[in-house]
PDB file of all heavy atoms in Angstrom:
ATOM      1  N   ALA A   1       0.830  -1.208   0.000  1.00  0.00           N
ATOM      2  CA  ALA A   1       0.000   0.000   0.000  1.00  0.00           C
ATOM      3  C   ALA A   1       0.865   1.259   0.000  1.00  0.00           C
ATOM      4  O   ALA A   1       2.015   1.251   0.438  1.00  0.00           O
ATOM      5  CB  ALA A   1      -0.914   0.001   1.213  1.00  0.00           C
ATOM      6  N   ASN A   2       0.294   2.333  -0.494  1.00  0.00           N
ATOM      7  CA  ASN A   2       0.976   3.631  -0.461  1.00  0.00           C
ATOM      8  C   ASN A   2       1.194   4.070   0.983  1.00  0.00           C
ATOM      9  O   ASN A   2       0.342   3.847   1.841  1.00  0.00           O
ATOM     10  CB  ASN A   2       0.132   4.678  -1.195  1.00  0.00           C
ATOM     11  CG  ASN A   2      -0.008   4.372  -2.669  1.00  0.00           C
ATOM     12  OD1 ASN A   2       0.944   3.961  -3.321  1.00  0.00           O
ATOM     13  ND2 ASN A   2      -1.211   4.569  -3.203  1.00  0.00           N
ATOM     14  N   ARG A   3       2.323   4.689   1.233  1.00  0.00           N
ATOM     15  CA  ARG A   3       2.647   5.161   2.578  1.00  0.00           C
ATOM     16  C   ARG A   3       2.195   6.617   2.756  1.00  0.00           C
ATOM     17  O   ARG A   3       2.258   7.417   1.824  1.00  0.00           O
ATOM     18  CB  ARG A   3       4.153   5.066   2.838  1.00  0.00           C
ATOM     19  CG  ARG A   3       4.718   3.644   2.779  1.00  0.00           C
ATOM     20  CD  ARG A   3       4.147   2.798   3.891  1.00  0.00           C
ATOM     21  NE  ARG A   3       4.634   1.432   3.846  1.00  0.00           N
ATOM     22  CZ  ARG A   3       5.517   0.920   4.706  1.00  0.00           C
ATOM     23  NH1 ARG A   3       6.015   1.679   5.671  1.00  0.00           N
ATOM     24  NH2 ARG A   3       5.886  -0.335   4.610  1.00  0.00           N
ATOM     25  N   ALA A   4       1.752   6.930   3.957  1.00  0.00           N
ATOM     26  CA  ALA A   4       1.392   8.311   4.274  1.00  0.00           C
ATOM     27  C   ALA A   4       2.650   9.048   4.743  1.00  0.00           C
ATOM     28  O   ALA A   4       3.293   8.635   5.701  1.00  0.00           O
ATOM     29  CB  ALA A   4       0.318   8.339   5.365  1.00  0.00           C
ATOM     30  N   ASP A   5       3.003  10.104   4.051  1.00  0.00           N
ATOM     31  CA  ASP A   5       4.165  10.925   4.412  1.00  0.00           C
ATOM     32  C   ASP A   5       3.678  12.017   5.366  1.00  0.00           C
ATOM     33  O   ASP A   5       2.965  12.943   4.958  1.00  0.00           O
ATOM     34  CB  ASP A   5       4.769  11.542   3.157  1.00  0.00           C
ATOM     35  CG  ASP A   5       6.063  12.305   3.440  1.00  0.00           C
ATOM     36  OD1 ASP A   5       6.283  12.681   4.619  1.00  0.00           O
ATOM     37  OD2 ASP A   5       6.832  12.535   2.494  1.00  0.00           O
ATOM     38  N   ILE A   6       4.043  11.910   6.643  1.00  0.00           N
ATOM     39  CA  ILE A   6       3.518  12.846   7.634  1.00  0.00           C
ATOM     40  C   ILE A   6       3.930  14.285   7.367  1.00  0.00           C
ATOM     41  O   ILE A   6       3.284  15.219   7.838  1.00  0.00           O
ATOM     42  CB  ILE A   6       3.928  12.444   9.068  1.00  0.00           C
ATOM     43  CG1 ILE A   6       5.464  12.461   9.220  1.00  0.00           C
ATOM     44  CG2 ILE A   6       3.357  11.094   9.439  1.00  0.00           C
ATOM     45  CD1 ILE A   6       5.907  12.285  10.665  1.00  0.00           C
ATOM     46  N   PHE A   7       5.013  14.475   6.598  1.00  0.00           N
ATOM     47  CA  PHE A   7       5.466  15.832   6.301  1.00  0.00           C
ATOM     48  C   PHE A   7       4.698  16.448   5.132  1.00  0.00           C
ATOM     49  O   PHE A   7       4.822  17.636   4.852  1.00  0.00           O
ATOM     50  CB  PHE A   7       6.963  15.840   6.009  1.00  0.00           C
ATOM     51  CG  PHE A   7       7.790  15.419   7.197  1.00  0.00           C
ATOM     52  CD1 PHE A   7       8.396  14.175   7.229  1.00  0.00           C
ATOM     53  CD2 PHE A   7       7.926  16.263   8.294  1.00  0.00           C
ATOM     54  CE1 PHE A   7       9.142  13.772   8.331  1.00  0.00           C
ATOM     55  CE2 PHE A   7       8.662  15.868   9.399  1.00  0.00           C
ATOM     56  CZ  PHE A   7       9.271  14.620   9.420  1.00  0.00           C
ATOM     57  N   LYS A   8       3.914  15.620   4.456  1.00  0.00           N
ATOM     58  CA  LYS A   8       3.128  16.121   3.327  1.00  0.00           C
ATOM     59  C   LYS A   8       1.625  16.073   3.591  1.00  0.00           C
ATOM     60  O   LYS A   8       0.840  16.511   2.760  1.00  0.00           O
ATOM     61  CB  LYS A   8       3.446  15.303   2.068  1.00  0.00           C
ATOM     62  CG  LYS A   8       4.883  15.485   1.584  1.00  0.00           C
ATOM     63  CD  LYS A   8       5.143  14.693   0.320  1.00  0.00           C
ATOM     64  CE  LYS A   8       6.582  14.887  -0.161  1.00  0.00           C
ATOM     65  NZ  LYS A   8       6.862  14.099  -1.392  1.00  0.00           N
ATOM     66  N   ILE A   9       1.241  15.542   4.751  1.00  0.00           N
ATOM     67  CA  ILE A   9      -0.180  15.477   5.090  1.00  0.00           C
ATOM     68  C   ILE A   9      -0.700  16.887   5.349  1.00  0.00           C
ATOM     69  O   ILE A   9      -0.098  17.645   6.108  1.00  0.00           O
ATOM     70  CB  ILE A   9      -0.403  14.592   6.339  1.00  0.00           C
ATOM     71  CG1 ILE A   9      -0.083  13.127   6.012  1.00  0.00           C
ATOM     72  CG2 ILE A   9      -1.843  14.718   6.838  1.00  0.00           C
ATOM     73  CD1 ILE A   9      -0.152  12.216   7.224  1.00  0.00           C
ATOM     74  N   PRO A  10      -1.805  17.258   4.737  1.00  0.00           N
ATOM     75  CA  PRO A  10      -2.372  18.593   5.008  1.00  0.00           C
ATOM     76  C   PRO A  10      -2.955  18.658   6.414  1.00  0.00           C
ATOM     77  O   PRO A  10      -3.028  17.645   7.123  1.00  0.00           O
ATOM     78  CB  PRO A  10      -3.473  18.720   3.949  1.00  0.00           C
ATOM     79  CG  PRO A  10      -3.871  17.300   3.664  1.00  0.00           C
ATOM     80  CD  PRO A  10      -2.608  16.490   3.780  1.00  0.00           C
ATOM     81  N   ALA A  11      -3.387  19.817   6.808  1.00  0.00           N
ATOM     82  CA  ALA A  11      -4.022  19.971   8.120  1.00  0.00           C
ATOM     83  C   ALA A  11      -5.216  19.023   8.220  1.00  0.00           C
ATOM     84  O   ALA A  11      -5.991  18.887   7.273  1.00  0.00           O
ATOM     85  CB  ALA A  11      -4.461  21.418   8.315  1.00  0.00           C
ATOM     86  N   LEU A  12      -5.337  18.374   9.357  1.00  0.00           N
ATOM     87  CA  LEU A  12      -6.430  17.436   9.564  1.00  0.00           C
ATOM     88  C   LEU A  12      -7.615  18.172  10.169  1.00  0.00           C
ATOM     89  O   LEU A  12      -7.483  18.830  11.201  1.00  0.00           O
ATOM     90  CB  LEU A  12      -5.974  16.296  10.484  1.00  0.00           C
ATOM     91  CG  LEU A  12      -4.747  15.506   9.999  1.00  0.00           C
ATOM     92  CD1 LEU A  12      -4.409  14.401  10.993  1.00  0.00           C
ATOM     93  CD2 LEU A  12      -4.998  14.919   8.609  1.00  0.00           C
ATOM     94  N   THR A  13      -8.772  18.053   9.529  1.00  0.00           N
ATOM     95  CA  THR A  13      -9.955  18.784   9.970  1.00  0.00           C
ATOM     96  C   THR A  13     -11.094  17.822  10.305  1.00  0.00           C
ATOM     97  O   THR A  13     -11.149  16.702   9.797  1.00  0.00           O
ATOM     98  CB  THR A  13     -10.428  19.755   8.882  1.00  0.00           C
ATOM     99  OG1 THR A  13     -10.760  19.000   7.697  1.00  0.00           O
ATOM    100  CG2 THR A  13      -9.350  20.766   8.543  1.00  0.00           C
ATOM    101  N   PHE A  14     -11.999  18.297  11.151  1.00  0.00           N
ATOM    102  CA  PHE A  14     -13.132  17.485  11.588  1.00  0.00           C
ATOM    103  C   PHE A  14     -14.382  18.356  11.629  1.00  0.00           C
ATOM    104  O   PHE A  14     -14.322  19.518  12.026  1.00  0.00           O
ATOM    105  CB  PHE A  14     -12.857  16.881  12.969  1.00  0.00           C
ATOM    106  CG  PHE A  14     -11.550  16.142  13.036  1.00  0.00           C
ATOM    107  CD1 PHE A  14     -10.403  16.771  13.515  1.00  0.00           C
ATOM    108  CD2 PHE A  14     -11.453  14.844  12.591  1.00  0.00           C
ATOM    109  CE1 PHE A  14      -9.186  16.112  13.550  1.00  0.00           C
ATOM    110  CE2 PHE A  14     -10.238  14.167  12.626  1.00  0.00           C
ATOM    111  CZ  PHE A  14      -9.108  14.796  13.105  1.00  0.00           C
ATOM    112  N   ASP A  15     -15.488  17.772  11.210  1.00  0.00           N
ATOM    113  CA  ASP A  15     -16.725  18.535  11.174  1.00  0.00           C
ATOM    114  C   ASP A  15     -17.910  17.621  11.469  1.00  0.00           C
ATOM    115  O   ASP A  15     -17.835  16.393  11.283  1.00  0.00           O
ATOM    116  CB  ASP A  15     -16.898  19.178   9.795  1.00  0.00           C
ATOM    117  CG  ASP A  15     -17.944  20.280   9.787  1.00  0.00           C
ATOM    118  OD1 ASP A  15     -18.413  20.666  10.878  1.00  0.00           O
ATOM    119  OD2 ASP A  15     -18.288  20.748   8.686  1.00  0.00           O
ATOM    120  N   THR A  16     -18.992  18.195  11.945  1.00  0.00           N
ATOM    121  CA  THR A  16     -20.214  17.446  12.200  1.00  0.00           C
ATOM    122  C   THR A  16     -20.949  17.205  10.886  1.00  0.00           C
ATOM    123  O   THR A  16     -21.072  18.128  10.069  1.00  0.00           O
ATOM    124  CB  THR A  16     -21.134  18.226  13.159  1.00  0.00           C
ATOM    125  OG1 THR A  16     -20.430  18.483  14.364  1.00  0.00           O
ATOM    126  CG2 THR A  16     -22.393  17.440  13.461  1.00  0.00           C
ATOM    127  N   PRO A  17     -21.454  16.005  10.640  1.00  0.00           N
ATOM    128  CA  PRO A  17     -22.214  15.752   9.412  1.00  0.00           C
ATOM    129  C   PRO A  17     -23.465  16.623   9.339  1.00  0.00           C
ATOM    130  O   PRO A  17     -24.041  16.997  10.356  1.00  0.00           O
ATOM    131  CB  PRO A  17     -22.596  14.276   9.522  1.00  0.00           C
ATOM    132  CG  PRO A  17     -21.636  13.689  10.504  1.00  0.00           C
ATOM    133  CD  PRO A  17     -21.311  14.787  11.461  1.00  0.00           C
ATOM    134  N   ASP A  18     -23.889  16.929   8.123  1.00  0.00           N
ATOM    135  CA  ASP A  18     -25.126  17.670   7.895  1.00  0.00           C
ATOM    136  C   ASP A  18     -26.267  16.655   7.797  1.00  0.00           C
ATOM    137  O   ASP A  18     -26.565  16.132   6.724  1.00  0.00           O
ATOM    138  CB  ASP A  18     -24.998  18.486   6.604  1.00  0.00           C
ATOM    139  CG  ASP A  18     -26.229  19.322   6.303  1.00  0.00           C
ATOM    140  OD1 ASP A  18     -27.256  19.117   6.962  1.00  0.00           O
ATOM    141  OD2 ASP A  18     -26.159  20.164   5.384  1.00  0.00           O
ATOM    142  N   PHE A  19     -26.895  16.380   8.931  1.00  0.00           N
ATOM    143  CA  PHE A  19     -27.941  15.365   8.988  1.00  0.00           C
ATOM    144  C   PHE A  19     -29.194  15.771   8.215  1.00  0.00           C
ATOM    145  O   PHE A  19     -29.970  14.911   7.798  1.00  0.00           O
ATOM    146  CB  PHE A  19     -28.315  15.075  10.446  1.00  0.00           C
ATOM    147  CG  PHE A  19     -27.285  14.320  11.216  1.00  0.00           C
ATOM    148  CD1 PHE A  19     -26.275  14.990  11.898  1.00  0.00           C
ATOM    149  CD2 PHE A  19     -27.307  12.931  11.254  1.00  0.00           C
ATOM    150  CE1 PHE A  19     -25.320  14.288  12.620  1.00  0.00           C
ATOM    151  CE2 PHE A  19     -26.356  12.221  11.966  1.00  0.00           C
ATOM    152  CZ  PHE A  19     -25.359  12.893  12.659  1.00  0.00           C
ATOM    153  N   ASP A  20     -29.417  17.062   8.032  1.00  0.00           N
ATOM    154  CA  ASP A  20     -30.621  17.526   7.336  1.00  0.00           C
ATOM    155  C   ASP A  20     -30.502  17.335   5.827  1.00  0.00           C
ATOM    156  O   ASP A  20     -31.419  16.823   5.182  1.00  0.00           O
ATOM    157  CB  ASP A  20     -30.883  18.998   7.664  1.00  0.00           C
ATOM    158  CG  ASP A  20     -31.231  19.208   9.126  1.00  0.00           C
ATOM    159  OD1 ASP A  20     -31.879  18.312   9.711  1.00  0.00           O
ATOM    160  OD2 ASP A  20     -30.849  20.248   9.684  1.00  0.00           O
ATOM    161  N   THR A  21     -29.367  17.735   5.278  1.00  0.00           N
ATOM    162  CA  THR A  21     -29.171  17.588   3.833  1.00  0.00           C
ATOM    163  C   THR A  21     -28.980  16.130   3.447  1.00  0.00           C
ATOM    164  O   THR A  21     -29.556  15.652   2.470  1.00  0.00           O
ATOM    165  CB  THR A  21     -27.961  18.417   3.370  1.00  0.00           C
ATOM    166  OG1 THR A  21     -28.177  19.793   3.701  1.00  0.00           O
ATOM    167  CG2 THR A  21     -27.745  18.278   1.873  1.00  0.00           C
ATOM    168  N   PHE A  22     -28.170  15.424   4.227  1.00  0.00           N
ATOM    169  CA  PHE A  22     -27.853  14.022   3.925  1.00  0.00           C
ATOM    170  C   PHE A  22     -28.622  13.119   4.892  1.00  0.00           C
ATOM    171  O   PHE A  22     -28.059  12.531   5.819  1.00  0.00           O
ATOM    172  CB  PHE A  22     -26.344  13.803   4.023  1.00  0.00           C
ATOM    173  CG  PHE A  22     -25.570  14.673   3.074  1.00  0.00           C
ATOM    174  CD1 PHE A  22     -25.053  15.901   3.487  1.00  0.00           C
ATOM    175  CD2 PHE A  22     -25.394  14.303   1.751  1.00  0.00           C
ATOM    176  CE1 PHE A  22     -24.362  16.727   2.607  1.00  0.00           C
ATOM    177  CE2 PHE A  22     -24.697  15.114   0.861  1.00  0.00           C
ATOM    178  CZ  PHE A  22     -24.186  16.333   1.292  1.00  0.00           C
ATOM    179  N   LYS A  23     -29.929  13.030   4.661  1.00  0.00           N
ATOM    180  CA  LYS A  23     -30.798  12.380   5.640  1.00  0.00           C
ATOM    181  C   LYS A  23     -30.680  10.861   5.676  1.00  0.00           C
ATOM    182  O   LYS A  23     -31.247  10.223   6.563  1.00  0.00           O
ATOM    183  CB  LYS A  23     -32.250  12.792   5.423  1.00  0.00           C
ATOM    184  CG  LYS A  23     -32.865  12.395   4.092  1.00  0.00           C
ATOM    185  CD  LYS A  23     -34.308  12.910   4.035  1.00  0.00           C
ATOM    186  CE  LYS A  23     -34.983  12.539   2.730  1.00  0.00           C
ATOM    187  NZ  LYS A  23     -36.389  13.034   2.686  1.00  0.00           N
ATOM    188  N   CYS A  24     -29.937  10.273   4.735  1.00  0.00           N
ATOM    189  CA  CYS A  24     -29.719   8.820   4.789  1.00  0.00           C
ATOM    190  C   CYS A  24     -29.044   8.409   6.097  1.00  0.00           C
ATOM    191  O   CYS A  24     -29.274   7.312   6.596  1.00  0.00           O
ATOM    192  CB  CYS A  24     -28.878   8.360   3.608  1.00  0.00           C
ATOM    193  SG  CYS A  24     -29.809   8.176   2.072  1.00  0.00           S
ATOM    194  N   LEU A  25     -28.212   9.279   6.619  1.00  0.00           N
ATOM    195  CA  LEU A  25     -27.516   8.971   7.866  1.00  0.00           C
ATOM    196  C   LEU A  25     -28.513   8.802   9.002  1.00  0.00           C
ATOM    197  O   LEU A  25     -28.435   7.836   9.783  1.00  0.00           O
ATOM    198  CB  LEU A  25     -26.520  10.089   8.179  1.00  0.00           C
ATOM    199  CG  LEU A  25     -25.471   9.860   9.265  1.00  0.00           C
ATOM    200  CD1 LEU A  25     -24.727   8.553   9.061  1.00  0.00           C
ATOM    201  CD2 LEU A  25     -24.495  11.027   9.304  1.00  0.00           C
ATOM    202  N   ASN A  26     -29.472   9.702   9.104  1.00  0.00           N
ATOM    203  CA  ASN A  26     -30.505   9.588  10.134  1.00  0.00           C
ATOM    204  C   ASN A  26     -31.429   8.402   9.891  1.00  0.00           C
ATOM    205  O   ASN A  26     -31.890   7.757  10.828  1.00  0.00           O
ATOM    206  CB  ASN A  26     -31.338  10.879  10.189  1.00  0.00           C
ATOM    207  CG  ASN A  26     -30.846  11.830  11.272  1.00  0.00           C
ATOM    208  OD1 ASN A  26     -30.236  11.408  12.247  1.00  0.00           O
ATOM    209  ND2 ASN A  26     -31.101  13.107  11.088  1.00  0.00           N
TER     210      ASN A  26
END
């Protein structure tokens, strides 16, 4: 498998899913 280069990884971000728009999740 391809290796993850920690020096090239972009900023890691996290967000809450949009349950209203993507209602399949609910």
